[in-house]
Amino acid sequence: MNKSSRHRIVRSFACTAVAAGMAASAQAGTLTLGHTTWVGYGTLYLARDLGYFKEQGLDVEFTVIEESAMYMAAQASGKLSGSASTIDEILKYRSKNFCFKAVAALDESHGGDGVLVGNEVTSLEQLKGKAVAVNEGSVSQFWLSYLLKQKGMSMSDLEIQNMTADDAATAFIAGRIPAAVTWEPHLSLVKAKGQGKVLVDSSETPGVIVDVVALSCDVIEKQPEDVKALVAGLYKAVEYTKTHPQEAYEIMAKGVGGYLSDPKDLAEAAKGVKFYDQAMSEKLLGTPGKPGDIAGVISLANETWTSLQGKPYAVSYEDLVDTSFVTP
C-alpha cells in the first residue's frame, strides 16, 4: 500500500497541532482518536456505526494517522483526545509534560504480526548476520527484540534495514531482503503466493502486543461520563462480533478502510487478533487496587526501549493505566 501522500497529509496535520501549542481542550460528549490502519481497531468503528456510543450521548471521531509520532504530537497539542495504539508504542511519549493513560483494552495480536523468511530458514538463529527489514522504533522492533532475547540474541546479531512494515514486506516479496518483520495482510499474501513462509508469528507470544485506547489526563478528568460511555460501547461491540461476526466484519471494513476495506480481507486479518471483552480487559488492565497483566508488558517495554534507544525509560504502571473505567 502506498502511503506517501497520506504521510504528507499526516505530517502537515501534526505539525499544525504542535504549532498550536495548546492544552487539550475537553468537549463534553465528544472524543477524538487517532490511530493507524489495523484490524484491531475495528470494534471502535463497530461501536460507533451500531450506535452504541450515540445511545449513551457520546460522539467518537477518528483520524487515521499512520505514524505514532504524528498522532501523539496531535494528542499532545490538544487536537486529539487520545489514540488507539500498542502500549509499548505510546510508552515512549509519556512524560510529566504529556500525561495520558490507557482506559480501555482493544485487542491482542495473536498471529497478526510475523517474521517472513525463505523456506530454507528454520530458526531465528539462522538469521544471525543476515539483513532483516524492520521498522525501527515501532512495535515491530519491540517484538523482534523480544523474540531475539528468548533465543539469547539481540538486534546487534542482525543487519537491520529500517523500513516500514509495508515496505519490509514488499522488499521481501521482491527478493531484495532475506527476512522481514511485518503484519497482515502481508503474512497471508506470502503464504498464498508461496514466496516464503512465516517463521514465527504473534500467536506464539500471547499478551506481548496489545492495543489500548489512551486518553489525555485532562480529558479523563473532565469527561469521566464520556470515558464510561466509550468503554461500555466497546464491550457491547465485542459481544456483537461474537454473535454476528460476518455482519461485524462488513461494518468494520467500511469504517477502518484502507487495505482492510474489503470485508473478506478484514475477516481474514481478524483471525490474527483477539478482541478484548470485559473479562479479558479486566485481566489485562487490572481493576482498582489490582494491577493487570499489562504491568509486565510495561516493564518489558521500559527495558526494551532503554536498551534499543540508549536512553532510560521508567514509566510505571500507575503512570500509564487508569483502571477506573474497566469495570462498569
C-alpha atoms as a PDB file:
ATOM      1  CA  MET A   1       0.000   0.000   0.000  1.00  0.00           C
ATOM      2  CA  ASN A   2       1.414   3.365  -0.999  1.00  0.00           C
ATOM      3  CA  LYS A   3       1.192   5.744   1.942  1.00  0.00           C
ATOM      4  CA  SER A   4       3.422   8.578   0.726  1.00  0.00           C
ATOM      5  CA  SER A   5       0.586  11.018   0.099  1.00  0.00           C
ATOM      6  CA  ARG A   6      -1.075  10.080   3.374  1.00  0.00           C
ATOM      7  CA  HIS A   7       2.185  10.660   5.232  1.00  0.00           C
ATOM      8  CA  ARG A   8       2.495  14.155   3.757  1.00  0.00           C
ATOM      9  CA  ILE A   9      -1.012  14.986   4.921  1.00  0.00           C
ATOM     10  CA  VAL A  10      -0.339  13.473   8.339  1.00  0.00           C
ATOM     11  CA  ARG A  11       2.914  15.400   8.845  1.00  0.00           C
ATOM     12  CA  SER A  12       1.168  18.639   7.928  1.00  0.00           C
ATOM     13  CA  PHE A  13      -1.662  17.877  10.346  1.00  0.00           C
ATOM     14  CA  ALA A  14       0.675  17.011  13.200  1.00  0.00           C
ATOM     15  CA  CYS A  15       2.963  19.978  12.628  1.00  0.00           C
ATOM     16  CA  THR A  16      -0.041  22.264  12.752  1.00  0.00           C
ATOM     17  CA  ALA A  17      -1.078  20.581  16.007  1.00  0.00           C
ATOM     18  CA  VAL A  18       2.322  21.074  17.565  1.00  0.00           C
ATOM     19  CA  ALA A  19       2.461  24.683  16.442  1.00  0.00           C
ATOM     20  CA  ALA A  20      -0.824  25.339  18.151  1.00  0.00           C
ATOM     21  CA  GLY A  21       0.849  24.524  21.467  1.00  0.00           C
ATOM     22  CA  MET A  22      -2.386  24.438  23.430  1.00  0.00           C
ATOM     23  CA  ALA A  23      -3.526  22.228  26.283  1.00  0.00           C
ATOM     24  CA  ALA A  24      -6.010  19.544  25.350  1.00  0.00           C
ATOM     25  CA  SER A  25      -9.472  21.055  25.270  1.00  0.00           C
ATOM     26  CA  ALA A  26     -12.193  18.757  26.557  1.00  0.00           C
ATOM     27  CA  GLN A  27     -15.551  18.988  24.842  1.00  0.00           C
ATOM     28  CA  ALA A  28     -18.267  17.115  26.705  1.00  0.00           C
ATOM     29  CA  GLY A  29     -19.999  14.492  24.614  1.00  0.00           C
ATOM     30  CA  THR A  30     -17.189  14.118  22.074  1.00  0.00           C
ATOM     31  CA  LEU A  31     -13.931  12.175  21.929  1.00  0.00           C
ATOM     32  CA  THR A  32     -11.450  12.332  19.046  1.00  0.00           C
ATOM     33  CA  LEU A  33      -8.993   9.494  18.496  1.00  0.00           C
ATOM     34  CA  GLY A  34      -6.042   8.997  16.153  1.00  0.00           C
ATOM     35  CA  HIS A  35      -4.871   5.563  15.008  1.00  0.00           C
ATOM     36  CA  THR A  36      -3.139   3.614  12.270  1.00  0.00           C
ATOM     37  CA  THR A  37      -4.922   1.212   9.922  1.00  0.00           C
ATOM     38  CA  TRP A  38      -5.198  -2.011  11.926  1.00  0.00           C
ATOM     39  CA  VAL A  39      -7.877  -4.675  12.202  1.00  0.00           C
ATOM     40  CA  GLY A  40      -7.810  -4.499  15.992  1.00  0.00           C
ATOM     41  CA  TYR A  41      -9.353  -1.039  15.907  1.00  0.00           C
ATOM     42  CA  GLY A  42     -12.413  -2.322  14.079  1.00  0.00           C
ATOM     43  CA  THR A  43     -14.514  -2.537  17.231  1.00  0.00           C
ATOM     44  CA  LEU A  44     -14.224   1.237  17.653  1.00  0.00           C
ATOM     45  CA  TYR A  45     -15.946   1.720  14.298  1.00  0.00           C
ATOM     46  CA  LEU A  46     -18.407  -1.063  15.039  1.00  0.00           C
ATOM     47  CA  ALA A  47     -19.489   0.606  18.282  1.00  0.00           C
ATOM     48  CA  ARG A  48     -19.819   3.930  16.506  1.00  0.00           C
ATOM     49  CA  ASP A  49     -21.757   2.675  13.486  1.00  0.00           C
ATOM     50  CA  LEU A  50     -24.105   0.465  15.504  1.00  0.00           C
ATOM     51  CA  GLY A  51     -24.947   3.496  17.624  1.00  0.00           C
ATOM     52  CA  TYR A  52     -23.532   2.086  20.858  1.00  0.00           C
ATOM     53  CA  PHE A  53     -21.683   5.303  21.656  1.00  0.00           C
ATOM     54  CA  LYS A  54     -24.507   7.545  20.491  1.00  0.00           C
ATOM     55  CA  GLU A  55     -27.123   5.845  22.652  1.00  0.00           C
ATOM     56  CA  GLN A  56     -25.100   6.979  25.656  1.00  0.00           C
ATOM     57  CA  GLY A  57     -24.739  10.532  24.401  1.00  0.00           C
ATOM     58  CA  LEU A  58     -21.215  10.162  23.027  1.00  0.00           C
ATOM     59  CA  ASP A  59     -19.792  11.040  19.618  1.00  0.00           C
ATOM     60  CA  VAL A  60     -16.425   9.499  18.756  1.00  0.00           C
ATOM     61  CA  GLU A  61     -14.460  10.853  15.804  1.00  0.00           C
ATOM     62  CA  PHE A  62     -11.490   9.062  14.224  1.00  0.00           C
ATOM     63  CA  THR A  63      -8.458  10.289  12.318  1.00  0.00           C
ATOM     64  CA  VAL A  64      -6.231   7.787  10.514  1.00  0.00           C
ATOM     65  CA  ILE A  65      -2.579   8.700  11.045  1.00  0.00           C
ATOM     66  CA  GLU A  66      -0.046   6.073  10.043  1.00  0.00           C
ATOM     67  CA  GLU A  67       2.843   7.207  12.256  1.00  0.00           C
ATOM     68  CA  SER A  68       2.790   7.126  16.045  1.00  0.00           C
ATOM     69  CA  ALA A  69       4.937  10.257  16.351  1.00  0.00           C
ATOM     70  CA  MET A  70       2.326  12.158  14.372  1.00  0.00           C
ATOM     71  CA  TYR A  71      -0.788  11.138  16.258  1.00  0.00           C
ATOM     72  CA  MET A  72       0.959  11.511  19.592  1.00  0.00           C
ATOM     73  CA  ALA A  73       2.035  15.037  18.609  1.00  0.00           C
ATOM     74  CA  ALA A  74      -1.561  15.817  17.698  1.00  0.00           C
ATOM     75  CA  GLN A  75      -2.759  14.470  21.036  1.00  0.00           C
ATOM     76  CA  ALA A  76      -0.083  16.353  22.978  1.00  0.00           C
ATOM     77  CA  SER A  77      -1.221  19.629  21.433  1.00  0.00           C
ATOM     78  CA  GLY A  78      -4.922  19.022  22.075  1.00  0.00           C
ATOM     79  CA  LYS A  79      -6.001  18.255  18.534  1.00  0.00           C
ATOM     80  CA  LEU A  80      -6.966  14.752  19.644  1.00  0.00           C
ATOM     81  CA  SER A  81      -8.473  13.451  22.883  1.00  0.00           C
ATOM     82  CA  GLY A  82      -6.435  10.292  22.622  1.00  0.00           C
ATOM     83  CA  SER A  83      -5.134   7.493  20.475  1.00  0.00           C
ATOM     84  CA  ALA A  84      -5.503   3.792  19.761  1.00  0.00           C
ATOM     85  CA  SER A  85      -2.107   2.131  19.788  1.00  0.00           C
ATOM     86  CA  THR A  86       0.049  -0.591  21.287  1.00  0.00           C
ATOM     87  CA  ILE A  87       1.060   0.093  24.860  1.00  0.00           C
ATOM     88  CA  ASP A  88       4.773  -0.246  24.095  1.00  0.00           C
ATOM     89  CA  GLU A  89       4.497   2.316  21.297  1.00  0.00           C
ATOM     90  CA  ILE A  90       2.910   5.080  23.369  1.00  0.00           C
ATOM     91  CA  LEU A  91       5.001   4.447  26.478  1.00  0.00           C
ATOM     92  CA  LYS A  92       7.900   6.310  24.853  1.00  0.00           C
ATOM     93  CA  TYR A  93       5.897   9.552  24.772  1.00  0.00           C
ATOM     94  CA  ARG A  94       4.679   9.575  28.381  1.00  0.00           C
ATOM     95  CA  SER A  95       6.276  12.336  30.461  1.00  0.00           C
ATOM     96  CA  LYS A  96       5.482  14.856  33.186  1.00  0.00           C
ATOM     97  CA  ASN A  97       4.502  17.314  30.484  1.00  0.00           C
ATOM     98  CA  PHE A  98       2.425  14.876  28.450  1.00  0.00           C
ATOM     99  CA  CYS A  99       0.022  12.954  30.655  1.00  0.00           C
ATOM    100  CA  PHE A 100      -2.171  10.233  29.177  1.00  0.00           C
ATOM    101  CA  LYS A 101      -3.434   6.873  30.383  1.00  0.00           C
ATOM    102  CA  ALA A 102      -4.890   3.696  28.925  1.00  0.00           C
ATOM    103  CA  VAL A 103      -8.574   3.464  29.826  1.00  0.00           C
ATOM    104  CA  ALA A 104      -9.705   0.614  27.570  1.00  0.00           C
ATOM    105  CA  ALA A 105      -8.178  -2.517  26.060  1.00  0.00           C
ATOM    106  CA  LEU A 106      -8.888  -3.160  22.383  1.00  0.00           C
ATOM    107  CA  ASP A 107      -7.126  -6.240  21.134  1.00  0.00           C
ATOM    108  CA  GLU A 108      -4.140  -8.537  21.217  1.00  0.00           C
ATOM    109  CA  SER A 109      -2.137  -9.511  18.152  1.00  0.00           C
ATOM    110  CA  HIS A 110      -2.500 -13.276  18.011  1.00  0.00           C
ATOM    111  CA  GLY A 111      -0.899 -14.184  14.710  1.00  0.00           C
ATOM    112  CA  GLY A 112      -1.342 -10.793  13.051  1.00  0.00           C
ATOM    113  CA  ASP A 113       2.380  -9.954  13.267  1.00  0.00           C
ATOM    114  CA  GLY A 114       5.142 -12.179  11.962  1.00  0.00           C
ATOM    115  CA  VAL A 115       8.661 -12.707  10.677  1.00  0.00           C
ATOM    116  CA  LEU A 116       8.910 -13.581   6.977  1.00  0.00           C
ATOM    117  CA  VAL A 117      11.814 -15.749   5.810  1.00  0.00           C
ATOM    118  CA  GLY A 118      12.810 -18.042   2.967  1.00  0.00           C
ATOM    119  CA  ASN A 119      11.589 -21.634   3.037  1.00  0.00           C
ATOM    120  CA  GLU A 120      15.064 -22.886   3.928  1.00  0.00           C
ATOM    121  CA  VAL A 121      15.176 -20.957   7.225  1.00  0.00           C
ATOM    122  CA  THR A 122      14.003 -22.941  10.247  1.00  0.00           C
ATOM    123  CA  SER A 123      15.074 -20.808  13.217  1.00  0.00           C
ATOM    124  CA  LEU A 124      15.779 -17.246  14.294  1.00  0.00           C
ATOM    125  CA  GLU A 125      19.361 -18.290  14.995  1.00  0.00           C
ATOM    126  CA  GLN A 126      19.855 -18.826  11.265  1.00  0.00           C
ATOM    127  CA  LEU A 127      19.241 -15.105  10.682  1.00  0.00           C
ATOM    128  CA  LYS A 128      22.412 -14.165  12.563  1.00  0.00           C
ATOM    129  CA  GLY A 129      24.485 -11.813  10.417  1.00  0.00           C
ATOM    130  CA  LYS A 130      21.744 -11.524   7.792  1.00  0.00           C
ATOM    131  CA  ALA A 131      19.757  -8.486   6.681  1.00  0.00           C
ATOM    132  CA  VAL A 132      16.335  -8.147   8.314  1.00  0.00           C
ATOM    133  CA  ALA A 133      13.858  -5.402   7.409  1.00  0.00           C
ATOM    134  CA  VAL A 134      12.049  -3.891  10.400  1.00  0.00           C
ATOM    135  CA  ASN A 135      10.580  -0.511  11.284  1.00  0.00           C
ATOM    136  CA  GLU A 136      12.893   0.887  13.954  1.00  0.00           C
ATOM    137  CA  GLY A 137      11.135   2.494  16.906  1.00  0.00           C
ATOM    138  CA  SER A 138       7.894   0.665  16.181  1.00  0.00           C
ATOM    139  CA  VAL A 139       6.092  -2.262  17.761  1.00  0.00           C
ATOM    140  CA  SER A 140       7.766  -4.465  15.126  1.00  0.00           C
ATOM    141  CA  GLN A 141      11.206  -3.685  16.541  1.00  0.00           C
ATOM    142  CA  PHE A 142       9.924  -4.104  20.103  1.00  0.00           C
ATOM    143  CA  TRP A 143       8.525  -7.531  19.249  1.00  0.00           C
ATOM    144  CA  LEU A 144      11.581  -8.660  17.283  1.00  0.00           C
ATOM    145  CA  SER A 145      13.825  -7.656  20.177  1.00  0.00           C
ATOM    146  CA  TYR A 146      11.635  -9.746  22.496  1.00  0.00           C
ATOM    147  CA  LEU A 147      11.849 -12.761  20.175  1.00  0.00           C
ATOM    148  CA  LEU A 148      15.613 -12.497  19.888  1.00  0.00           C
ATOM    149  CA  LYS A 149      16.043 -12.220  23.643  1.00  0.00           C
ATOM    150  CA  GLN A 150      14.206 -15.526  24.090  1.00  0.00           C
ATOM    151  CA  LYS A 151      16.907 -17.097  21.909  1.00  0.00           C
ATOM    152  CA  GLY A 152      19.827 -15.422  23.666  1.00  0.00           C
ATOM    153  CA  MET A 153      20.265 -12.991  20.784  1.00  0.00           C
ATOM    154  CA  SER A 154      19.969  -9.238  20.297  1.00  0.00           C
ATOM    155  CA  MET A 155      19.413  -6.752  17.478  1.00  0.00           C
ATOM    156  CA  SER A 156      23.181  -6.430  17.058  1.00  0.00           C
ATOM    157  CA  ASP A 157      23.250 -10.029  15.830  1.00  0.00           C
ATOM    158  CA  LEU A 158      21.322  -8.933  12.738  1.00  0.00           C
ATOM    159  CA  GLU A 159      21.949  -6.475   9.921  1.00  0.00           C
ATOM    160  CA  ILE A 160      18.916  -4.236  10.436  1.00  0.00           C
ATOM    161  CA  GLN A 161      17.390  -2.461   7.449  1.00  0.00           C
ATOM    162  CA  ASN A 162      14.977   0.252   8.636  1.00  0.00           C
ATOM    163  CA  MET A 163      11.713   0.072   6.645  1.00  0.00           C
ATOM    164  CA  THR A 164       8.021   0.464   7.349  1.00  0.00           C
ATOM    165  CA  ALA A 165       6.128  -2.799   7.775  1.00  0.00           C
ATOM    166  CA  ASP A 166       4.623  -2.377   4.297  1.00  0.00           C
ATOM    167  CA  ASP A 167       7.962  -1.643   2.639  1.00  0.00           C
ATOM    168  CA  ALA A 168       9.592  -4.516   4.513  1.00  0.00           C
ATOM    169  CA  ALA A 169       7.025  -6.942   3.126  1.00  0.00           C
ATOM    170  CA  THR A 170       7.406  -5.523  -0.385  1.00  0.00           C
ATOM    171  CA  ALA A 171      11.191  -5.849  -0.234  1.00  0.00           C
ATOM    172  CA  PHE A 172      10.906  -9.436   0.979  1.00  0.00           C
ATOM    173  CA  ILE A 173       8.407 -10.454  -1.697  1.00  0.00           C
ATOM    174  CA  ALA A 174      10.621  -8.851  -4.367  1.00  0.00           C
ATOM    175  CA  GLY A 175      13.583 -10.863  -3.112  1.00  0.00           C
ATOM    176  CA  ARG A 176      15.594  -7.805  -2.105  1.00  0.00           C
ATOM    177  CA  ILE A 177      15.956  -8.867   1.523  1.00  0.00           C
ATOM    178  CA  PRO A 178      16.051 -12.326   3.145  1.00  0.00           C
ATOM    179  CA  ALA A 179      13.807 -11.590   6.136  1.00  0.00           C
ATOM    180  CA  ALA A 180      11.227  -9.030   7.224  1.00  0.00           C
ATOM    181  CA  VAL A 181       9.073  -8.222  10.238  1.00  0.00           C
ATOM    182  CA  THR A 182       5.592  -7.160   9.168  1.00  0.00           C
ATOM    183  CA  TRP A 183       1.900  -7.840   9.732  1.00  0.00           C
ATOM    184  CA  GLU A 184      -1.311  -8.786   7.977  1.00  0.00           C
ATOM    185  CA  PRO A 185      -2.296  -8.856   5.182  1.00  0.00           C
ATOM    186  CA  HIS A 186       1.326  -9.373   4.101  1.00  0.00           C
ATOM    187  CA  LEU A 187       1.710 -12.615   6.052  1.00  0.00           C
ATOM    188  CA  SER A 188      -1.258 -14.215   4.296  1.00  0.00           C
ATOM    189  CA  LEU A 189      -0.108 -12.868   0.929  1.00  0.00           C
ATOM    190  CA  VAL A 190       3.299 -14.509   1.254  1.00  0.00           C
ATOM    191  CA  LYS A 191       1.690 -17.779   2.288  1.00  0.00           C
ATOM    192  CA  ALA A 192      -0.733 -17.650  -0.641  1.00  0.00           C
ATOM    193  CA  LYS A 193       1.984 -16.901  -3.191  1.00  0.00           C
ATOM    194  CA  GLY A 194       4.400 -19.445  -1.781  1.00  0.00           C
ATOM    195  CA  GLN A 195       7.212 -16.892  -1.875  1.00  0.00           C
ATOM    196  CA  GLY A 196       8.483 -17.755   1.573  1.00  0.00           C
ATOM    197  CA  LYS A 197       6.972 -18.522   4.946  1.00  0.00           C
ATOM    198  CA  VAL A 198       6.135 -17.104   8.342  1.00  0.00           C
ATOM    199  CA  LEU A 199       8.882 -18.310  10.664  1.00  0.00           C
ATOM    200  CA  VAL A 200       7.157 -17.113  13.834  1.00  0.00           C
ATOM    201  CA  ASP A 201       4.021 -15.080  14.473  1.00  0.00           C
ATOM    202  CA  SER A 202       2.497 -13.314  17.446  1.00  0.00           C
ATOM    203  CA  SER A 203       0.275 -16.266  18.359  1.00  0.00           C
ATOM    204  CA  GLU A 204       3.449 -17.674  19.916  1.00  0.00           C
ATOM    205  CA  THR A 205       3.873 -14.607  22.137  1.00  0.00           C
ATOM    206  CA  PRO A 206       0.449 -14.100  23.744  1.00  0.00           C
ATOM    207  CA  GLY A 207      -0.083 -10.864  25.610  1.00  0.00           C
ATOM    208  CA  VAL A 208       3.017  -9.103  24.271  1.00  0.00           C
ATOM    209  CA  ILE A 209       1.477  -6.975  21.510  1.00  0.00           C
ATOM    210  CA  VAL A 210      -1.635  -5.346  22.985  1.00  0.00           C
ATOM    211  CA  ASP A 211      -3.615  -2.323  21.823  1.00  0.00           C
ATOM    212  CA  VAL A 212      -5.348   0.163  24.079  1.00  0.00           C
ATOM    213  CA  VAL A 213      -7.211   3.451  23.951  1.00  0.00           C
ATOM    214  CA  ALA A 214      -5.130   6.054  25.786  1.00  0.00           C
ATOM    215  CA  LEU A 215      -6.762   9.395  26.614  1.00  0.00           C
ATOM    216  CA  SER A 216      -5.120  12.603  27.757  1.00  0.00           C
ATOM    217  CA  CYS A 217      -5.343  13.002  31.521  1.00  0.00           C
ATOM    218  CA  ASP A 218      -7.322  16.226  31.440  1.00  0.00           C
ATOM    219  CA  VAL A 219      -9.875  14.549  29.152  1.00  0.00           C
ATOM    220  CA  ILE A 220     -10.231  11.715  31.665  1.00  0.00           C
ATOM    221  CA  GLU A 221     -10.632  14.213  34.491  1.00  0.00           C
ATOM    222  CA  LYS A 222     -13.130  16.488  32.751  1.00  0.00           C
ATOM    223  CA  GLN A 223     -15.133  13.875  30.793  1.00  0.00           C
ATOM    224  CA  PRO A 224     -15.496  10.793  33.010  1.00  0.00           C
ATOM    225  CA  GLU A 225     -19.007  10.042  31.775  1.00  0.00           C
ATOM    226  CA  ASP A 226     -17.757  10.060  28.179  1.00  0.00           C
ATOM    227  CA  VAL A 227     -14.968   7.645  29.085  1.00  0.00           C
ATOM    228  CA  LYS A 228     -17.525   5.329  30.703  1.00  0.00           C
ATOM    229  CA  ALA A 229     -19.639   5.505  27.561  1.00  0.00           C
ATOM    230  CA  LEU A 230     -16.612   4.702  25.398  1.00  0.00           C
ATOM    231  CA  VAL A 231     -15.728   1.593  27.383  1.00  0.00           C
ATOM    232  CA  ALA A 232     -19.331   0.383  27.596  1.00  0.00           C
ATOM    233  CA  GLY A 233     -19.757   0.842  23.844  1.00  0.00           C
ATOM    234  CA  LEU A 234     -16.613  -1.139  23.126  1.00  0.00           C
ATOM    235  CA  TYR A 235     -17.705  -4.018  25.350  1.00  0.00           C
ATOM    236  CA  LYS A 236     -21.052  -4.129  23.563  1.00  0.00           C
ATOM    237  CA  ALA A 237     -19.353  -4.095  20.146  1.00  0.00           C
ATOM    238  CA  VAL A 238     -17.097  -7.023  21.072  1.00  0.00           C
ATOM    239  CA  GLU A 239     -20.124  -9.058  22.133  1.00  0.00           C
ATOM    240  CA  TYR A 240     -21.721  -8.266  18.764  1.00  0.00           C
ATOM    241  CA  THR A 241     -18.680  -9.712  16.960  1.00  0.00           C
ATOM    242  CA  LYS A 242     -19.210 -12.980  18.814  1.00  0.00           C
ATOM    243  CA  THR A 243     -22.831 -13.367  17.757  1.00  0.00           C
ATOM    244  CA  HIS A 244     -22.773 -11.651  14.345  1.00  0.00           C
ATOM    245  CA  PRO A 245     -19.204 -11.992  13.019  1.00  0.00           C
ATOM    246  CA  GLN A 246     -19.920 -11.576   9.317  1.00  0.00           C
ATOM    247  CA  GLU A 247     -22.119  -8.515   9.822  1.00  0.00           C
ATOM    248  CA  ALA A 248     -19.498  -7.102  12.192  1.00  0.00           C
ATOM    249  CA  TYR A 249     -16.697  -7.525   9.654  1.00  0.00           C
ATOM    250  CA  GLU A 250     -18.715  -5.748   6.979  1.00  0.00           C
ATOM    251  CA  ILE A 251     -19.279  -2.762   9.254  1.00  0.00           C
ATOM    252  CA  MET A 252     -15.672  -2.739  10.452  1.00  0.00           C
ATOM    253  CA  ALA A 253     -14.306  -2.894   6.909  1.00  0.00           C
ATOM    254  CA  LYS A 254     -16.330   0.108   5.848  1.00  0.00           C
ATOM    255  CA  GLY A 255     -15.070   2.066   8.856  1.00  0.00           C
ATOM    256  CA  VAL A 256     -11.407   1.039   9.021  1.00  0.00           C
ATOM    257  CA  GLY A 257     -10.974   1.217   5.242  1.00  0.00           C
ATOM    258  CA  GLY A 258      -7.594   1.256   3.545  1.00  0.00           C
ATOM    259  CA  TYR A 259      -6.228  -2.200   2.805  1.00  0.00           C
ATOM    260  CA  LEU A 260      -8.991  -3.621   5.026  1.00  0.00           C
ATOM    261  CA  SER A 261     -11.890  -2.085   3.105  1.00  0.00           C
ATOM    262  CA  ASP A 262     -12.940  -5.474   1.710  1.00  0.00           C
ATOM    263  CA  PRO A 263     -14.876  -7.441   4.383  1.00  0.00           C
ATOM    264  CA  LYS A 264     -13.161 -10.652   3.250  1.00  0.00           C
ATOM    265  CA  ASP A 265      -9.733  -9.122   3.862  1.00  0.00           C
ATOM    266  CA  LEU A 266     -10.787  -7.790   7.245  1.00  0.00           C
ATOM    267  CA  ALA A 267     -12.278 -11.152   8.229  1.00  0.00           C
ATOM    268  CA  GLU A 268      -9.010 -12.870   7.294  1.00  0.00           C
ATOM    269  CA  ALA A 269      -6.979 -10.302   9.236  1.00  0.00           C
ATOM    270  CA  ALA A 270      -9.320 -10.683  12.223  1.00  0.00           C
ATOM    271  CA  LYS A 271      -8.136 -14.293  12.580  1.00  0.00           C
ATOM    272  CA  GLY A 272      -4.843 -12.826  13.789  1.00  0.00           C
ATOM    273  CA  VAL A 273      -6.256 -10.813  16.686  1.00  0.00           C
ATOM    274  CA  LYS A 274      -8.263 -11.316  19.855  1.00  0.00           C
ATOM    275  CA  PHE A 275     -10.785  -8.573  20.545  1.00  0.00           C
ATOM    276  CA  TYR A 276     -10.909  -7.846  24.273  1.00  0.00           C
ATOM    277  CA  ASP A 277     -14.220  -8.270  26.067  1.00  0.00           C
ATOM    278  CA  GLN A 278     -14.804  -7.120  29.645  1.00  0.00           C
ATOM    279  CA  ALA A 279     -13.267 -10.166  31.332  1.00  0.00           C
ATOM    280  CA  MET A 280     -10.162 -10.013  29.146  1.00  0.00           C
ATOM    281  CA  SER A 281      -9.868  -6.267  29.699  1.00  0.00           C
ATOM    282  CA  GLU A 282     -10.003  -6.681  33.456  1.00  0.00           C
ATOM    283  CA  LYS A 283      -7.273  -9.327  33.294  1.00  0.00           C
ATOM    284  CA  LEU A 284      -5.067  -7.162  31.069  1.00  0.00           C
ATOM    285  CA  LEU A 285      -5.522  -3.696  32.547  1.00  0.00           C
ATOM    286  CA  GLY A 286      -6.421  -4.713  36.061  1.00  0.00           C
ATOM    287  CA  THR A 287      -9.012  -3.283  38.407  1.00  0.00           C
ATOM    288  CA  PRO A 288      -8.694  -0.630  41.126  1.00  0.00           C
ATOM    289  CA  GLY A 289      -6.056  -1.866  43.568  1.00  0.00           C
ATOM    290  CA  LYS A 290      -5.140  -4.896  41.457  1.00  0.00           C
ATOM    291  CA  PRO A 291      -2.662  -4.356  38.589  1.00  0.00           C
ATOM    292  CA  GLY A 292      -3.279  -6.418  35.455  1.00  0.00           C
ATOM    293  CA  ASP A 293      -1.033  -8.367  33.120  1.00  0.00           C
ATOM    294  CA  ILE A 294      -0.181  -5.194  31.231  1.00  0.00           C
ATOM    295  CA  ALA A 295       2.146  -4.254  34.100  1.00  0.00           C
ATOM    296  CA  GLY A 296       4.511  -6.913  32.789  1.00  0.00           C
ATOM    297  CA  VAL A 297       4.311  -5.559  29.248  1.00  0.00           C
ATOM    298  CA  ILE A 298       5.068  -2.054  30.518  1.00  0.00           C
ATOM    299  CA  SER A 299       8.100  -3.354  32.383  1.00  0.00           C
ATOM    300  CA  LEU A 300       9.254  -5.191  29.261  1.00  0.00           C
ATOM    301  CA  ALA A 301       8.754  -2.076  27.126  1.00  0.00           C
ATOM    302  CA  ASN A 302      10.771   0.079  29.526  1.00  0.00           C
ATOM    303  CA  GLU A 303      13.620  -2.413  29.440  1.00  0.00           C
ATOM    304  CA  THR A 304      13.458  -2.919  25.674  1.00  0.00           C
ATOM    305  CA  TRP A 305      13.331   0.726  24.619  1.00  0.00           C
ATOM    306  CA  THR A 306      16.018   1.683  27.129  1.00  0.00           C
ATOM    307  CA  SER A 307      18.293  -0.883  25.504  1.00  0.00           C
ATOM    308  CA  LEU A 308      17.340  -0.104  21.909  1.00  0.00           C
ATOM    309  CA  GLN A 309      17.360   3.676  22.123  1.00  0.00           C
ATOM    310  CA  GLY A 310      20.151   4.189  24.625  1.00  0.00           C
ATOM    311  CA  LYS A 311      18.166   6.407  26.985  1.00  0.00           C
ATOM    312  CA  PRO A 312      16.332   5.475  30.167  1.00  0.00           C
ATOM    313  CA  TYR A 313      12.612   4.738  30.205  1.00  0.00           C
ATOM    314  CA  ALA A 314      10.969   4.248  33.590  1.00  0.00           C
ATOM    315  CA  VAL A 315       7.236   4.691  33.009  1.00  0.00           C
ATOM    316  CA  SER A 316       5.250   2.984  35.748  1.00  0.00           C
ATOM    317  CA  TYR A 317       2.005   1.052  35.525  1.00  0.00           C
ATOM    318  CA  GLU A 318       0.358   3.833  37.554  1.00  0.00           C
ATOM    319  CA  ASP A 319       1.667   6.415  35.083  1.00  0.00           C
ATOM    320  CA  LEU A 320       0.174   4.645  32.119  1.00  0.00           C
ATOM    321  CA  VAL A 321      -3.042   2.887  33.184  1.00  0.00           C
ATOM    322  CA  ASP A 322      -6.327   4.129  34.661  1.00  0.00           C
ATOM    323  CA  THR A 323      -8.475   1.231  35.831  1.00  0.00           C
ATOM    324  CA  SER A 324     -11.394   3.391  36.962  1.00  0.00           C
ATOM    325  CA  PHE A 325     -13.473   2.583  33.896  1.00  0.00           C
ATOM    326  CA  VAL A 326     -12.584  -1.073  33.231  1.00  0.00           C
ATOM    327  CA  THR A 327     -15.447  -2.435  35.324  1.00  0.00           C
ATOM    328  CA  PRO A 328     -18.810  -0.687  34.642  1.00  0.00           C
END
